[in-house]
Structures are given as structure tokens and as C-alpha cells.
C-alpha atoms as a PDB file:
ATOM      1  CA  UNK A   1      85.403  93.546  79.787  1.00  0.00           C
ATOM      2  CA  UNK A   2      88.126  92.384  77.425  1.00  0.00           C
ATOM      3  CA  UNK A   3      88.863  88.730  76.805  1.00  0.00           C
ATOM      4  CA  UNK A   4      92.125  87.270  75.742  1.00  0.00           C
ATOM      5  CA  UNK A   5      90.391  84.731  73.452  1.00  0.00           C
ATOM      6  CA  UNK A   6      87.314  82.868  72.702  1.00  0.00           C
ATOM      7  CA  UNK A   7      88.391  80.364  75.484  1.00  0.00           C
ATOM      8  CA  UNK A   8      88.009  83.022  78.098  1.00  0.00           C
ATOM      9  CA  UNK A   9      84.183  82.996  77.241  1.00  0.00           C
ATOM     10  CA  UNK A  10      83.470  79.114  76.653  1.00  0.00           C
ATOM     11  CA  UNK A  11      86.053  77.757  78.806  1.00  0.00           C
ATOM     12  CA  UNK A  12      89.293  75.983  78.407  1.00  0.00           C
ATOM     13  CA  UNK A  13      89.886  72.553  76.558  1.00  0.00           C
ATOM     14  CA  UNK A  14      90.096  70.174  79.406  1.00  0.00           C
ATOM     15  CA  UNK A  15      89.705  66.995  80.610  1.00  0.00           C
ATOM     16  CA  UNK A  16      86.311  67.073  82.937  1.00  0.00           C
ATOM     17  CA  UNK A  17      84.348  67.306  84.901  1.00  0.00           C
ATOM     18  CA  UNK A  18      84.920  70.828  86.406  1.00  0.00           C
ATOM     19  CA  UNK A  19      86.891  73.945  85.131  1.00  0.00           C
ATOM     20  CA  UNK A  20      87.504  74.986  88.791  1.00  0.00           C
ATOM     21  CA  UNK A  21      88.370  71.526  90.335  1.00  0.00           C
ATOM     22  CA  UNK A  22      89.871  70.003  87.302  1.00  0.00           C
ATOM     23  CA  UNK A  23      91.113  72.278  84.773  1.00  0.00           C
ATOM     24  CA  UNK A  24      92.476  74.641  87.269  1.00  0.00           C
ATOM     25  CA  UNK A  25      93.892  72.097  89.548  1.00  0.00           C
ATOM     26  CA  UNK A  26      95.768  70.760  86.580  1.00  0.00           C
ATOM     27  CA  UNK A  27      97.057  74.423  86.040  1.00  0.00           C
ATOM     28  CA  UNK A  28      98.255  74.449  89.559  1.00  0.00           C
ATOM     29  CA  UNK A  29     100.145  71.151  89.349  1.00  0.00           C
ATOM     30  CA  UNK A  30     101.661  72.015  85.984  1.00  0.00           C
ATOM     31  CA  UNK A  31     103.218  75.247  87.324  1.00  0.00           C
ATOM     32  CA  UNK A  32     104.381  73.541  90.280  1.00  0.00           C
ATOM     33  CA  UNK A  33     106.424  71.137  88.067  1.00  0.00           C
ATOM     34  CA  UNK A  34     107.433  73.902  85.994  1.00  0.00           C
ATOM     35  CA  UNK A  35     108.840  75.979  88.876  1.00  0.00           C
ATOM     36  CA  UNK A  36     110.468  72.983  90.516  1.00  0.00           C
ATOM     37  CA  UNK A  37     112.283  72.171  87.298  1.00  0.00           C
ATOM     38  CA  UNK A  38     111.998  68.403  86.995  1.00  0.00           C
ATOM     39  CA  UNK A  39     109.748  65.481  88.064  1.00  0.00           C
ATOM     40  CA  UNK A  40     109.829  65.173  91.873  1.00  0.00           C
ATOM     41  CA  UNK A  41     110.333  61.892  93.853  1.00  0.00           C
ATOM     42  CA  UNK A  42     107.421  62.694  96.299  1.00  0.00           C
ATOM     43  CA  UNK A  43     104.589  65.238  96.732  1.00  0.00           C
ATOM     44  CA  UNK A  44     102.311  66.039  99.608  1.00  0.00           C
ATOM     45  CA  UNK A  45      99.256  67.817  98.476  1.00  0.00           C
ATOM     46  CA  UNK A  46      97.301  69.771 101.195  1.00  0.00           C
ATOM     47  CA  UNK A  47      93.791  70.563 100.161  1.00  0.00           C
ATOM     48  CA  UNK A  48      91.655  73.571 101.593  1.00  0.00           C
ATOM     49  CA  UNK A  49      87.767  74.283 101.392  1.00  0.00           C
ATOM     50  CA  UNK A  50      85.790  72.822  98.489  1.00  0.00           C
ATOM     51  CA  UNK A  51      89.003  71.112  97.345  1.00  0.00           C
ATOM     52  CA  UNK A  52      89.381  68.943 100.541  1.00  0.00           C
ATOM     53  CA  UNK A  53      85.613  68.284 100.413  1.00  0.00           C
ATOM     54  CA  UNK A  54      85.136  66.944  96.873  1.00  0.00           C
ATOM     55  CA  UNK A  55      88.564  66.315  95.460  1.00  0.00           C
ATOM     56  CA  UNK A  56      87.984  62.763  94.631  1.00  0.00           C
ATOM     57  CA  UNK A  57      84.566  63.129  93.077  1.00  0.00           C
ATOM     58  CA  UNK A  58      85.366  66.087  91.009  1.00  0.00           C
ATOM     59  CA  UNK A  59      88.702  64.694  89.638  1.00  0.00           C
ATOM     60  CA  UNK A  60      91.000  67.459  91.647  1.00  0.00           C
ATOM     61  CA  UNK A  61      93.279  64.708  92.826  1.00  0.00           C
ATOM     62  CA  UNK A  62      93.928  63.230  89.422  1.00  0.00           C
ATOM     63  CA  UNK A  63      94.170  66.775  87.830  1.00  0.00           C
ATOM     64  CA  UNK A  64      96.733  68.092  90.320  1.00  0.00           C
ATOM     65  CA  UNK A  65      98.826  64.812  90.038  1.00  0.00           C
ATOM     66  CA  UNK A  66      98.736  64.939  86.115  1.00  0.00           C
ATOM     67  CA  UNK A  67      99.793  68.571  86.398  1.00  0.00           C
ATOM     68  CA  UNK A  68     102.744  67.564  88.415  1.00  0.00           C
ATOM     69  CA  UNK A  69     103.590  65.040  85.820  1.00  0.00           C
ATOM     70  CA  UNK A  70     103.563  67.698  83.361  1.00  0.00           C
ATOM     71  CA  UNK A  71     100.498  66.927  81.663  1.00  0.00           C
ATOM     72  CA  UNK A  72      98.325  69.658  80.144  1.00  0.00           C
ATOM     73  CA  UNK A  73      94.759  70.414  80.999  1.00  0.00           C
ATOM     74  CA  UNK A  74      93.345  68.381  77.823  1.00  0.00           C
ATOM     75  CA  UNK A  75      95.630  65.507  78.157  1.00  0.00           C
ATOM     76  CA  UNK A  76      93.876  62.367  78.220  1.00  0.00           C
ATOM     77  CA  UNK A  77      96.400  60.760  80.441  1.00  0.00           C
ATOM     78  CA  UNK A  78      95.052  62.961  83.404  1.00  0.00           C
ATOM     79  CA  UNK A  79      92.189  60.281  84.003  1.00  0.00           C
ATOM     80  CA  UNK A  80      95.167  57.591  84.805  1.00  0.00           C
ATOM     81  CA  UNK A  81      97.549  60.307  86.586  1.00  0.00           C
ATOM     82  CA  UNK A  82      97.648  58.270  89.997  1.00  0.00           C
ATOM     83  CA  UNK A  83      98.559  54.947  88.307  1.00  0.00           C
ATOM     84  CA  UNK A  84     101.098  56.871  86.146  1.00  0.00           C
ATOM     85  CA  UNK A  85     102.533  58.528  89.179  1.00  0.00           C
ATOM     86  CA  UNK A  86     102.907  55.248  90.945  1.00  0.00           C
ATOM     87  CA  UNK A  87     104.443  53.551  87.964  1.00  0.00           C
ATOM     88  CA  UNK A  88     107.074  56.553  87.640  1.00  0.00           C
ATOM     89  CA  UNK A  89     107.851  55.883  91.497  1.00  0.00           C
ATOM     90  CA  UNK A  90     106.514  59.284  92.397  1.00  0.00           C
ATOM     91  CA  UNK A  91     104.786  59.079  95.889  1.00  0.00           C
ATOM     92  CA  UNK A  92     101.625  61.155  96.390  1.00  0.00           C
ATOM     93  CA  UNK A  93     100.013  62.153  99.397  1.00  0.00           C
ATOM     94  CA  UNK A  94      96.621  63.889  99.955  1.00  0.00           C
ATOM     95  CA  UNK A  95      96.270  65.778 103.183  1.00  0.00           C
ATOM     96  CA  UNK A  96      92.548  67.086 103.778  1.00  0.00           C
ATOM     97  CA  UNK A  97      92.951  70.089 105.819  1.00  0.00           C
ATOM     98  CA  UNK A  98      90.245  71.507 108.258  1.00  0.00           C
ATOM     99  CA  UNK A  99      91.664  75.116 108.638  1.00  0.00           C
ATOM    100  CA  UNK A 100      90.164  77.801 106.518  1.00  0.00           C
ATOM    101  CA  UNK A 101      91.740  79.451 103.535  1.00  0.00           C
ATOM    102  CA  UNK A 102      91.411  82.683 101.989  1.00  0.00           C
ATOM    103  CA  UNK A 103      89.954  81.029  98.654  1.00  0.00           C
ATOM    104  CA  UNK A 104      87.629  78.104  98.596  1.00  0.00           C
ATOM    105  CA  UNK A 105      89.714  76.181  96.037  1.00  0.00           C
ATOM    106  CA  UNK A 106      93.085  76.093  97.587  1.00  0.00           C
ATOM    107  CA  UNK A 107      96.027  73.703  97.288  1.00  0.00           C
ATOM    108  CA  UNK A 108      99.427  73.671  98.919  1.00  0.00           C
ATOM    109  CA  UNK A 109     101.880  71.303  97.000  1.00  0.00           C
ATOM    110  CA  UNK A 110     105.099  70.394  98.835  1.00  0.00           C
ATOM    111  CA  UNK A 111     107.408  68.268  96.646  1.00  0.00           C
ATOM    112  CA  UNK A 112     110.919  67.112  96.618  1.00  0.00           C
ATOM    113  CA  UNK A 113     113.813  64.929  95.439  1.00  0.00           C
ATOM    114  CA  UNK A 114     117.260  64.189  96.896  1.00  0.00           C
ATOM    115  CA  UNK A 115     118.500  67.504  95.297  1.00  0.00           C
ATOM    116  CA  UNK A 116     116.150  69.800  97.044  1.00  0.00           C
ATOM    117  CA  UNK A 117     112.246  70.752  98.153  1.00  0.00           C
ATOM    118  CA  UNK A 118     109.854  73.059  97.087  1.00  0.00           C
ATOM    119  CA  UNK A 119     106.454  74.578  98.299  1.00  0.00           C
ATOM    120  CA  UNK A 120     103.681  76.645  96.567  1.00  0.00           C
ATOM    121  CA  UNK A 121     100.245  77.645  97.268  1.00  0.00           C
ATOM    122  CA  UNK A 122      97.698  77.674  94.396  1.00  0.00           C
ATOM    123  CA  UNK A 123      94.179  78.801  94.029  1.00  0.00           C
ATOM    124  CA  UNK A 124      91.663  77.606  91.141  1.00  0.00           C
ATOM    125  CA  UNK A 125      89.916  81.073  90.248  1.00  0.00           C
ATOM    126  CA  UNK A 126      87.214  79.516  87.838  1.00  0.00           C
ATOM    127  CA  UNK A 127      87.173  78.909  84.003  1.00  0.00           C
ATOM    128  CA  UNK A 128      89.973  76.599  84.153  1.00  0.00           C
ATOM    129  CA  UNK A 129      92.268  79.474  85.494  1.00  0.00           C
ATOM    130  CA  UNK A 130      94.690  79.128  88.628  1.00  0.00           C
ATOM    131  CA  UNK A 131      96.985  81.481  90.351  1.00  0.00           C
ATOM    132  CA  UNK A 132      99.960  80.904  92.467  1.00  0.00           C
ATOM    133  CA  UNK A 133      99.824  83.129  95.718  1.00  0.00           C
ATOM    134  CA  UNK A 134     102.867  81.911  97.490  1.00  0.00           C
ATOM    135  CA  UNK A 135     106.240  80.502  96.661  1.00  0.00           C
ATOM    136  CA  UNK A 136     108.863  78.955  99.262  1.00  0.00           C
ATOM    137  CA  UNK A 137     107.301  81.520 101.602  1.00  0.00           C
ATOM    138  CA  UNK A 138     107.174  84.462  99.194  1.00  0.00           C
ATOM    139  CA  UNK A 139     103.829  85.994  98.626  1.00  0.00           C
ATOM    140  CA  UNK A 140     103.292  86.705  94.852  1.00  0.00           C
ATOM    141  CA  UNK A 141     100.425  86.569  92.356  1.00  0.00           C
ATOM    142  CA  UNK A 142     101.322  84.495  89.160  1.00  0.00           C
ATOM    143  CA  UNK A 143      98.459  83.573  86.806  1.00  0.00           C
ATOM    144  CA  UNK A 144     100.317  81.228  84.227  1.00  0.00           C
ATOM    145  CA  UNK A 145      98.142  82.963  81.366  1.00  0.00           C
ATOM    146  CA  UNK A 146     101.183  84.806  79.990  1.00  0.00           C
ATOM    147  CA  UNK A 147     104.686  83.610  79.459  1.00  0.00           C
ATOM    148  CA  UNK A 148     106.882  84.370  82.586  1.00  0.00           C
ATOM    149  CA  UNK A 149     110.092  83.992  84.291  1.00  0.00           C
ATOM    150  CA  UNK A 150     110.820  83.518  88.050  1.00  0.00           C
ATOM    151  CA  UNK A 151     114.110  85.173  89.127  1.00  0.00           C
ATOM    152  CA  UNK A 152     115.762  84.102  92.557  1.00  0.00           C
ATOM    153  CA  UNK A 153     118.505  86.680  93.400  1.00  0.00           C
ATOM    154  CA  UNK A 154     120.503  88.308  96.123  1.00  0.00           C
ATOM    155  CA  UNK A 155     118.695  91.600  97.621  1.00  0.00           C
ATOM    156  CA  UNK A 156     121.530  93.938  96.338  1.00  0.00           C
ATOM    157  CA  UNK A 157     121.600  97.202  94.652  1.00  0.00           C
ATOM    158  CA  UNK A 158     121.049  96.899  90.812  1.00  0.00           C
ATOM    159  CA  UNK A 159     120.003  93.220  90.753  1.00  0.00           C
ATOM    160  CA  UNK A 160     116.643  94.213  89.428  1.00  0.00           C
ATOM    161  CA  UNK A 161     118.035  96.935  86.978  1.00  0.00           C
ATOM    162  CA  UNK A 162     120.425  94.271  85.416  1.00  0.00           C
ATOM    163  CA  UNK A 163     117.512  91.979  84.752  1.00  0.00           C
ATOM    164  CA  UNK A 164     115.298  94.705  83.214  1.00  0.00           C
ATOM    165  CA  UNK A 165     118.029  96.053  81.142  1.00  0.00           C
ATOM    166  CA  UNK A 166     118.820  92.656  79.392  1.00  0.00           C
ATOM    167  CA  UNK A 167     115.015  92.304  78.610  1.00  0.00           C
ATOM    168  CA  UNK A 168     114.814  95.901  77.268  1.00  0.00           C
ATOM    169  CA  UNK A 169     118.325  95.144  75.356  1.00  0.00           C
ATOM    170  CA  UNK A 170     116.475  92.476  73.603  1.00  0.00           C
ATOM    171  CA  UNK A 171     113.218  94.278  73.056  1.00  0.00           C
ATOM    172  CA  UNK A 172     110.993  92.118  75.346  1.00  0.00           C
ATOM    173  CA  UNK A 173     108.178  93.746  77.014  1.00  0.00           C
ATOM    174  CA  UNK A 174     107.180  93.219  80.710  1.00  0.00           C
ATOM    175  CA  UNK A 175     103.302  92.898  81.184  1.00  0.00           C
ATOM    176  CA  UNK A 176     103.635  92.299  84.770  1.00  0.00           C
ATOM    177  CA  UNK A 177     106.176  92.222  87.414  1.00  0.00           C
ATOM    178  CA  UNK A 178     106.401  91.561  91.236  1.00  0.00           C
ATOM    179  CA  UNK A 179     109.333  91.725  93.666  1.00  0.00           C
ATOM    180  CA  UNK A 180     109.239  90.241  97.018  1.00  0.00           C
ATOM    181  CA  UNK A 181     112.014  89.608  99.862  1.00  0.00           C
ATOM    182  CA  UNK A 182     111.819  88.092 103.108  1.00  0.00           C
ATOM    183  CA  UNK A 183     114.647  90.105 104.892  1.00  0.00           C
ATOM    184  CA  UNK A 184     116.627  93.106 103.891  1.00  0.00           C
ATOM    185  CA  UNK A 185     119.995  92.000 102.168  1.00  0.00           C
ATOM    186  CA  UNK A 186     118.894  88.261 101.890  1.00  0.00           C
ATOM    187  CA  UNK A 187     117.433  86.287  99.196  1.00  0.00           C
ATOM    188  CA  UNK A 188     114.731  87.918  97.146  1.00  0.00           C
ATOM    189  CA  UNK A 189     112.404  86.967  93.998  1.00  0.00           C
ATOM    190  CA  UNK A 190     111.129  88.431  90.893  1.00  0.00           C
ATOM    191  CA  UNK A 191     108.337  87.315  89.075  1.00  0.00           C
ATOM    192  CA  UNK A 192     108.129  88.811  85.551  1.00  0.00           C
ATOM    193  CA  UNK A 193     105.364  88.217  82.987  1.00  0.00           C
ATOM    194  CA  UNK A 194     106.207  89.351  79.482  1.00  0.00           C
ATOM    195  CA  UNK A 195     104.476  89.643  76.111  1.00  0.00           C
ATOM    196  CA  UNK A 196     106.265  86.687  74.512  1.00  0.00           C
ATOM    197  CA  UNK A 197     108.329  83.673  75.481  1.00  0.00           C
ATOM    198  CA  UNK A 198     111.898  84.485  76.479  1.00  0.00           C
ATOM    199  CA  UNK A 199     114.419  82.781  74.021  1.00  0.00           C
ATOM    200  CA  UNK A 200     117.138  80.459  75.623  1.00  0.00           C
ATOM    201  CA  UNK A 201     119.909  82.865  74.532  1.00  0.00           C
ATOM    202  CA  UNK A 202     118.241  85.593  76.732  1.00  0.00           C
ATOM    203  CA  UNK A 203     117.712  83.081  79.651  1.00  0.00           C
ATOM    204  CA  UNK A 204     121.486  82.544  79.409  1.00  0.00           C
ATOM    205  CA  UNK A 205     122.202  86.283  79.601  1.00  0.00           C
ATOM    206  CA  UNK A 206     119.879  86.889  82.678  1.00  0.00           C
ATOM    207  CA  UNK A 207     121.632  83.501  84.483  1.00  0.00           C
ATOM    208  CA  UNK A 208     124.984  85.477  84.003  1.00  0.00           C
ATOM    209  CA  UNK A 209     123.605  88.741  85.414  1.00  0.00           C
ATOM    210  CA  UNK A 210     125.503  89.674  88.930  1.00  0.00           C
ATOM    211  CA  UNK A 211     123.480  88.466  92.130  1.00  0.00           C
ATOM    212  CA  UNK A 212     121.227  86.466  90.112  1.00  0.00           C
ATOM    213  CA  UNK A 213     120.994  82.985  91.597  1.00  0.00           C
ATOM    214  CA  UNK A 214     118.523  81.045  89.413  1.00  0.00           C
ATOM    215  CA  UNK A 215     116.084  81.873  86.529  1.00  0.00           C
ATOM    216  CA  UNK A 216     113.088  79.688  85.569  1.00  0.00           C
ATOM    217  CA  UNK A 217     110.938  80.062  82.623  1.00  0.00           C
ATOM    218  CA  UNK A 218     107.035  79.314  83.119  1.00  0.00           C
ATOM    219  CA  UNK A 219     105.249  78.335  80.024  1.00  0.00           C
ATOM    220  CA  UNK A 220     101.959  79.845  78.829  1.00  0.00           C
END
């Protein structure tokens, strides 16, 4: 087995008490914040499985909200995230779901403001790691362990090739890529994990590609 770093063996730098219920939850919240692109006015957090049963005692609630506020797993402010969200006028609602989920540590986050709404499903997979498994109805796998971009585009011939051509032209290597669409010819999505963070000027090139609707960067 290969490890990315010593932290994959001893665990992440984090605010406790649990890597799965705290650090992993914070990563889910942080990825939600980055994908939404700004601080929301409100968030509804649906909790499943063990998240729903122990979220207050294990700090899952403050971790998720801390991530939504943009805090990293090691940020001391996570402990006060609920109060800080209230001070920032971010309305938070937790909903304990009785239904089963594919993974015991699952959260579905809905968030929004006057400019739009957003929804994702994330799972905490242990060791402080998390994956996003659904985004606005698109199924995907996004770990957040590598720099990545999310590309929303029209499902048209050449759209995918235009994006990969820009990356290749700038010598940016793709480590993992997924493409999903809900319906032929409608809106589609690419998730591309890369070996390095994509510079702003490359992001500008991608945004100018034909049939590209939105490009969002996701930090490592």
C-alpha cells in the first residue's frame, strides 16, 4: 500500500475528537463552501447513519459548519463555529434522517443565498478523509485529496476535448477525471483532479472555451 504522506498513517492535523466525525466532516463542509463559491446565507444539513446519532457529542455539527465557513480541519475556530455562523447571519438547520444511506457517515448539505442554491452529498471515509458522491443531482467521486476543478458545460461535441486541450497545452497532468450528464444534449459536468493547482490564467482559458458554463477550482 502506498501512502501520500506520513499524515495518511498517523492521521490529519485536526480539532478533535474524531477523525471520521470531525475532520472528515469539516472537509465535507469545506468542499461544499468551495464548490458553492461563497459564504451562503443558509444551510440545511441532513445527517444519516452514525452522523445522525452522534453528531453533537462527536463535534460533527461544529465541524460541518466550520467547513462551510471556510475553516480548515486544524482551525481552532471550529469549536465556536455555530456561534460564528450566527454572528455572520448564516442560518443553520440540522435534520436527523431516519432513512438508510450507503455509508454510515453521510451528510447531505443544501445551501444558498439570493443568487442561487446548491446541494451535495458527502461521506467521511475515515482518517480525516472525505468524498463527495453527489453534486446537484450528478453522481461523482471527488476526494479533495488532490487539486481539482469542476467544469459545468453544455453536453456538446468537443466540449471535453477543449478542456483537456487547454490543460495539455499548459503541461498540466490529469490524475483522475469523471464526466456525468443527466440527459443527452443538456447540462453536463466534469470533475478533473490534477497533479498541481491550476493557475488563474489557465482558469481564464478554460472559462473562455466554447460550451463551458462554469469552472470552479477546489483546493487540496
